[in-house]
N, C-alpha and C. Protein backbone atom coordinates (compact mmCIF):
# COMPACT_ATOMS: atom_id res chain seq x y z
N MET A 1 36.35 74.84 128.62
CA MET A 1 37.46 73.91 128.69
C MET A 1 36.88 72.52 128.99
N ILE A 2 37.32 71.54 128.23
CA ILE A 2 36.80 70.19 128.42
C ILE A 2 37.56 69.51 129.56
N ALA A 3 36.97 68.44 130.08
CA ALA A 3 37.52 67.75 131.25
C ALA A 3 38.94 67.26 131.03
N SER A 4 39.24 66.74 129.85
CA SER A 4 40.59 66.23 129.59
C SER A 4 41.64 67.33 129.68
N GLU A 5 41.28 68.54 129.24
CA GLU A 5 42.22 69.67 129.34
C GLU A 5 42.45 70.05 130.79
N ARG A 6 41.38 70.03 131.60
CA ARG A 6 41.53 70.35 133.02
C ARG A 6 42.42 69.34 133.71
N PHE A 7 42.24 68.05 133.41
CA PHE A 7 43.06 67.01 134.02
C PHE A 7 44.52 67.15 133.59
N GLU A 8 44.73 67.48 132.32
CA GLU A 8 46.10 67.65 131.83
C GLU A 8 46.78 68.82 132.53
N ARG A 9 46.08 69.93 132.68
CA ARG A 9 46.64 71.09 133.37
C ARG A 9 46.91 70.79 134.83
N ALA A 10 46.00 70.06 135.47
CA ALA A 10 46.19 69.67 136.87
C ALA A 10 47.41 68.77 137.02
N ALA A 11 47.60 67.86 136.09
CA ALA A 11 48.76 66.97 136.14
C ALA A 11 50.05 67.75 135.98
N VAL A 12 50.07 68.69 135.04
CA VAL A 12 51.27 69.51 134.84
C VAL A 12 51.56 70.33 136.10
N LEU A 13 50.53 70.91 136.69
CA LEU A 13 50.70 71.69 137.91
C LEU A 13 51.21 70.80 139.05
N GLY A 14 50.65 69.61 139.18
CA GLY A 14 51.08 68.70 140.24
C GLY A 14 52.54 68.33 140.11
N VAL A 15 52.98 68.03 138.91
CA VAL A 15 54.38 67.68 138.69
C VAL A 15 55.27 68.90 138.95
N ALA A 16 54.82 70.07 138.54
CA ALA A 16 55.61 71.29 138.77
C ALA A 16 55.76 71.57 140.26
N VAL A 17 54.68 71.42 141.02
CA VAL A 17 54.74 71.63 142.47
C VAL A 17 55.68 70.61 143.10
N ALA A 18 55.57 69.36 142.69
CA ALA A 18 56.44 68.31 143.23
C ALA A 18 57.90 68.59 142.90
N GLU A 19 58.17 68.97 141.67
CA GLU A 19 59.55 69.23 141.26
C GLU A 19 60.12 70.45 141.97
N GLU A 20 59.34 71.50 142.13
CA GLU A 20 59.83 72.69 142.83
C GLU A 20 60.10 72.38 144.30
N THR A 21 59.25 71.59 144.91
CA THR A 21 59.49 71.18 146.29
C THR A 21 60.78 70.38 146.39
N ARG A 22 60.95 69.44 145.48
CA ARG A 22 62.17 68.63 145.48
C ARG A 22 63.40 69.50 145.26
N ARG A 23 63.31 70.45 144.34
CA ARG A 23 64.45 71.34 144.05
C ARG A 23 64.85 72.14 145.28
N LEU A 24 63.86 72.71 145.95
CA LEU A 24 64.15 73.52 147.14
C LEU A 24 64.73 72.67 148.27
N LEU A 25 64.17 71.48 148.47
CA LEU A 25 64.70 70.62 149.53
C LEU A 25 66.11 70.16 149.20
N SER A 26 66.35 69.81 147.95
CA SER A 26 67.69 69.36 147.53
C SER A 26 68.70 70.50 147.66
N LEU A 27 68.27 71.71 147.34
CA LEU A 27 69.14 72.87 147.43
C LEU A 27 69.66 73.08 148.85
N HIS A 28 68.82 72.81 149.83
CA HIS A 28 69.17 73.07 151.23
C HIS A 28 69.59 71.82 151.99
N LEU A 29 69.60 70.68 151.32
CA LEU A 29 70.02 69.45 151.98
C LEU A 29 71.53 69.43 152.10
N ASP A 30 72.02 69.38 153.30
CA ASP A 30 73.45 69.32 153.56
C ASP A 30 73.75 67.99 154.22
N PRO A 31 74.22 67.01 153.45
CA PRO A 31 74.45 65.68 154.01
C PRO A 31 75.35 65.68 155.24
N ALA A 32 76.30 66.59 155.30
CA ALA A 32 77.21 66.63 156.44
C ALA A 32 76.51 67.12 157.71
N ALA A 33 75.52 68.00 157.55
CA ALA A 33 74.83 68.57 158.71
C ALA A 33 73.45 67.96 158.93
N SER A 34 73.06 67.02 158.10
CA SER A 34 71.72 66.44 158.20
C SER A 34 71.59 65.54 159.41
N GLU A 35 70.43 65.63 160.02
CA GLU A 35 70.10 64.74 161.12
C GLU A 35 69.17 63.67 160.57
N GLU A 36 69.48 62.41 160.86
CA GLU A 36 68.64 61.32 160.39
C GLU A 36 68.06 60.59 161.60
N GLY A 37 66.73 60.43 161.58
CA GLY A 37 66.06 59.73 162.65
C GLY A 37 66.22 58.22 162.51
N ALA A 38 65.80 57.51 163.52
CA ALA A 38 65.91 56.05 163.52
C ALA A 38 65.11 55.43 162.37
N ASP A 39 64.05 56.11 161.95
CA ASP A 39 63.20 55.59 160.87
C ASP A 39 63.67 56.05 159.50
N GLY A 40 64.82 56.74 159.42
CA GLY A 40 65.34 57.20 158.14
C GLY A 40 64.89 58.60 157.76
N THR A 41 64.09 59.24 158.59
CA THR A 41 63.63 60.60 158.32
C THR A 41 64.81 61.56 158.41
N VAL A 42 64.92 62.45 157.42
CA VAL A 42 66.01 63.42 157.38
C VAL A 42 65.43 64.81 157.61
N LEU A 43 66.06 65.56 158.50
CA LEU A 43 65.65 66.93 158.78
C LEU A 43 66.39 67.86 157.82
N VAL A 44 65.63 68.68 157.10
CA VAL A 44 66.22 69.66 156.18
C VAL A 44 65.81 71.04 156.66
N ASP A 45 66.79 71.88 156.95
CA ASP A 45 66.53 73.25 157.40
C ASP A 45 66.45 74.14 156.16
N VAL A 46 65.27 74.65 155.87
CA VAL A 46 65.06 75.52 154.72
C VAL A 46 64.86 76.95 155.24
N PRO A 47 65.83 77.83 154.97
CA PRO A 47 65.74 79.21 155.47
C PRO A 47 64.76 80.06 154.66
N TYR A 48 64.34 81.17 155.26
CA TYR A 48 63.50 82.15 154.60
C TYR A 48 64.32 82.78 153.48
N PRO A 49 63.82 83.08 152.34
CA PRO A 49 62.44 83.07 151.89
C PRO A 49 61.99 81.74 151.30
N ASP A 50 62.94 80.81 151.05
CA ASP A 50 62.55 79.52 150.47
C ASP A 50 61.58 78.76 151.37
N ALA A 51 61.71 78.94 152.68
CA ALA A 51 60.80 78.26 153.61
C ALA A 51 59.35 78.69 153.38
N ALA A 52 59.15 79.95 153.05
CA ALA A 52 57.80 80.44 152.77
C ALA A 52 57.24 79.80 151.51
N VAL A 53 58.10 79.61 150.51
CA VAL A 53 57.67 78.96 149.27
C VAL A 53 57.32 77.49 149.53
N VAL A 54 58.16 76.79 150.30
CA VAL A 54 57.89 75.39 150.62
C VAL A 54 56.57 75.27 151.39
N THR A 55 56.36 76.15 152.35
CA THR A 55 55.11 76.13 153.12
C THR A 55 53.90 76.32 152.21
N ALA A 56 53.99 77.28 151.30
CA ALA A 56 52.88 77.51 150.36
C ALA A 56 52.66 76.30 149.46
N LEU A 57 53.75 75.70 148.98
CA LEU A 57 53.62 74.50 148.13
C LEU A 57 52.96 73.36 148.90
N LEU A 58 53.33 73.19 150.16
CA LEU A 58 52.73 72.12 150.97
C LEU A 58 51.25 72.39 151.24
N ASP A 59 50.90 73.65 151.46
CA ASP A 59 49.49 73.98 151.67
C ASP A 59 48.66 73.72 150.42
N VAL A 60 49.20 74.08 149.25
CA VAL A 60 48.51 73.82 147.98
C VAL A 60 48.38 72.32 147.76
N ALA A 61 49.46 71.59 147.99
CA ALA A 61 49.43 70.14 147.80
C ALA A 61 48.45 69.48 148.75
N ALA A 62 48.41 69.92 150.00
CA ALA A 62 47.48 69.34 150.98
C ALA A 62 46.04 69.54 150.53
N GLU A 63 45.76 70.72 150.01
CA GLU A 63 44.41 71.01 149.51
C GLU A 63 44.09 70.14 148.30
N CYS A 64 45.03 70.03 147.39
CA CYS A 64 44.80 69.25 146.17
C CYS A 64 44.64 67.76 146.46
N PHE A 65 45.49 67.25 147.36
CA PHE A 65 45.47 65.82 147.67
C PHE A 65 44.41 65.46 148.71
N GLY A 66 43.78 66.48 149.31
CA GLY A 66 42.77 66.21 150.33
C GLY A 66 43.38 65.68 151.62
N GLU A 67 44.63 66.05 151.89
CA GLU A 67 45.32 65.58 153.09
C GLU A 67 44.70 66.22 154.32
N ARG A 68 44.62 65.43 155.38
CA ARG A 68 44.11 65.90 156.66
C ARG A 68 45.04 65.42 157.75
N GLY A 69 45.12 66.19 158.82
CA GLY A 69 45.93 65.80 159.96
C GLY A 69 45.37 66.45 161.21
N GLY A 70 45.92 66.07 162.35
CA GLY A 70 45.47 66.62 163.61
C GLY A 70 45.89 68.07 163.80
N SER A 71 46.90 68.49 163.04
CA SER A 71 47.38 69.87 163.11
C SER A 71 47.81 70.30 161.71
N VAL A 72 48.10 71.58 161.58
CA VAL A 72 48.56 72.10 160.29
C VAL A 72 49.87 71.42 159.91
N GLU A 73 50.75 71.24 160.87
CA GLU A 73 52.05 70.61 160.58
C GLU A 73 51.88 69.15 160.15
N GLU A 74 50.97 68.41 160.77
CA GLU A 74 50.71 67.03 160.37
C GLU A 74 50.14 66.97 158.96
N THR A 75 49.28 67.91 158.62
CA THR A 75 48.71 67.98 157.28
C THR A 75 49.80 68.28 156.26
N ARG A 76 50.68 69.22 156.59
CA ARG A 76 51.79 69.54 155.68
C ARG A 76 52.75 68.36 155.54
N GLN A 77 52.99 67.63 156.63
CA GLN A 77 53.87 66.47 156.57
C GLN A 77 53.28 65.40 155.66
N ALA A 78 51.97 65.18 155.76
CA ALA A 78 51.31 64.20 154.89
C ALA A 78 51.42 64.64 153.43
N ALA A 79 51.23 65.93 153.17
CA ALA A 79 51.36 66.45 151.80
C ALA A 79 52.79 66.30 151.31
N LEU A 80 53.77 66.55 152.17
CA LEU A 80 55.17 66.41 151.79
C LEU A 80 55.48 64.96 151.39
N GLU A 81 54.99 64.02 152.16
CA GLU A 81 55.23 62.61 151.84
C GLU A 81 54.64 62.26 150.47
N THR A 82 53.45 62.76 150.19
CA THR A 82 52.83 62.51 148.89
C THR A 82 53.62 63.18 147.77
N LEU A 83 54.06 64.43 148.00
CA LEU A 83 54.85 65.13 146.99
C LEU A 83 56.16 64.42 146.71
N LEU A 84 56.81 63.93 147.75
CA LEU A 84 58.08 63.24 147.56
C LEU A 84 57.89 61.95 146.78
N GLN A 85 56.77 61.29 147.00
CA GLN A 85 56.47 60.10 146.21
C GLN A 85 56.24 60.49 144.76
N LEU A 86 55.50 61.58 144.53
CA LEU A 86 55.24 62.05 143.17
C LEU A 86 56.52 62.50 142.49
N ALA A 87 57.35 63.25 143.22
CA ALA A 87 58.60 63.75 142.65
C ALA A 87 59.61 62.62 142.46
N GLY A 88 59.45 61.56 143.21
CA GLY A 88 60.27 60.38 143.03
C GLY A 88 61.74 60.58 143.29
N PHE A 89 62.13 60.49 144.54
CA PHE A 89 63.55 60.55 144.85
C PHE A 89 64.21 59.21 144.54
N ASP A 90 63.47 58.29 143.91
CA ASP A 90 64.05 57.00 143.55
C ASP A 90 64.63 57.05 142.13
N ASP A 91 65.38 56.03 141.78
CA ASP A 91 66.07 55.99 140.48
C ASP A 91 65.12 55.84 139.30
N GLU A 92 63.90 55.37 139.53
CA GLU A 92 62.98 55.10 138.43
C GLU A 92 62.13 56.32 138.05
N SER A 93 62.19 57.40 138.79
CA SER A 93 61.36 58.56 138.53
C SER A 93 61.72 59.19 137.19
N GLN A 94 60.70 59.54 136.42
CA GLN A 94 60.91 60.26 135.17
C GLN A 94 61.48 61.63 135.40
N LEU A 95 61.22 62.21 136.58
CA LEU A 95 61.75 63.52 136.87
C LEU A 95 63.26 63.52 137.03
N ASN A 96 63.84 62.37 137.37
CA ASN A 96 65.28 62.29 137.54
C ASN A 96 66.03 62.46 136.23
N SER A 97 65.40 62.17 135.11
CA SER A 97 66.07 62.32 133.83
C SER A 97 66.37 63.78 133.51
N ALA A 98 65.64 64.70 134.12
CA ALA A 98 65.84 66.12 133.88
C ALA A 98 66.90 66.71 134.81
N ARG A 99 67.35 65.94 135.78
CA ARG A 99 68.35 66.44 136.73
C ARG A 99 69.72 66.43 136.10
N PRO A 100 70.53 67.45 136.40
CA PRO A 100 71.89 67.52 135.84
C PRO A 100 72.81 66.49 136.46
């Protein structure tokens, strides 16, 4: 396999991981019950078994992005921030065109 094919597959996987993370978080986001911190951070409670999938996605993303933190949770949080940027919760994201 040539390098360009590996990069293309990695890009497709990265977008798929970001989109699946966004889908799961959106599925469990309840605006009425959401807690928002002073900095705009929103707490999303993801129940099992989806929580296990989100954890695995964050671990894969942390490894791929080379994220590091003082703890496992800090590393996952850094990976989540990167994934959310990639998945683009903003209006300009190409992934938003696929949303119903």
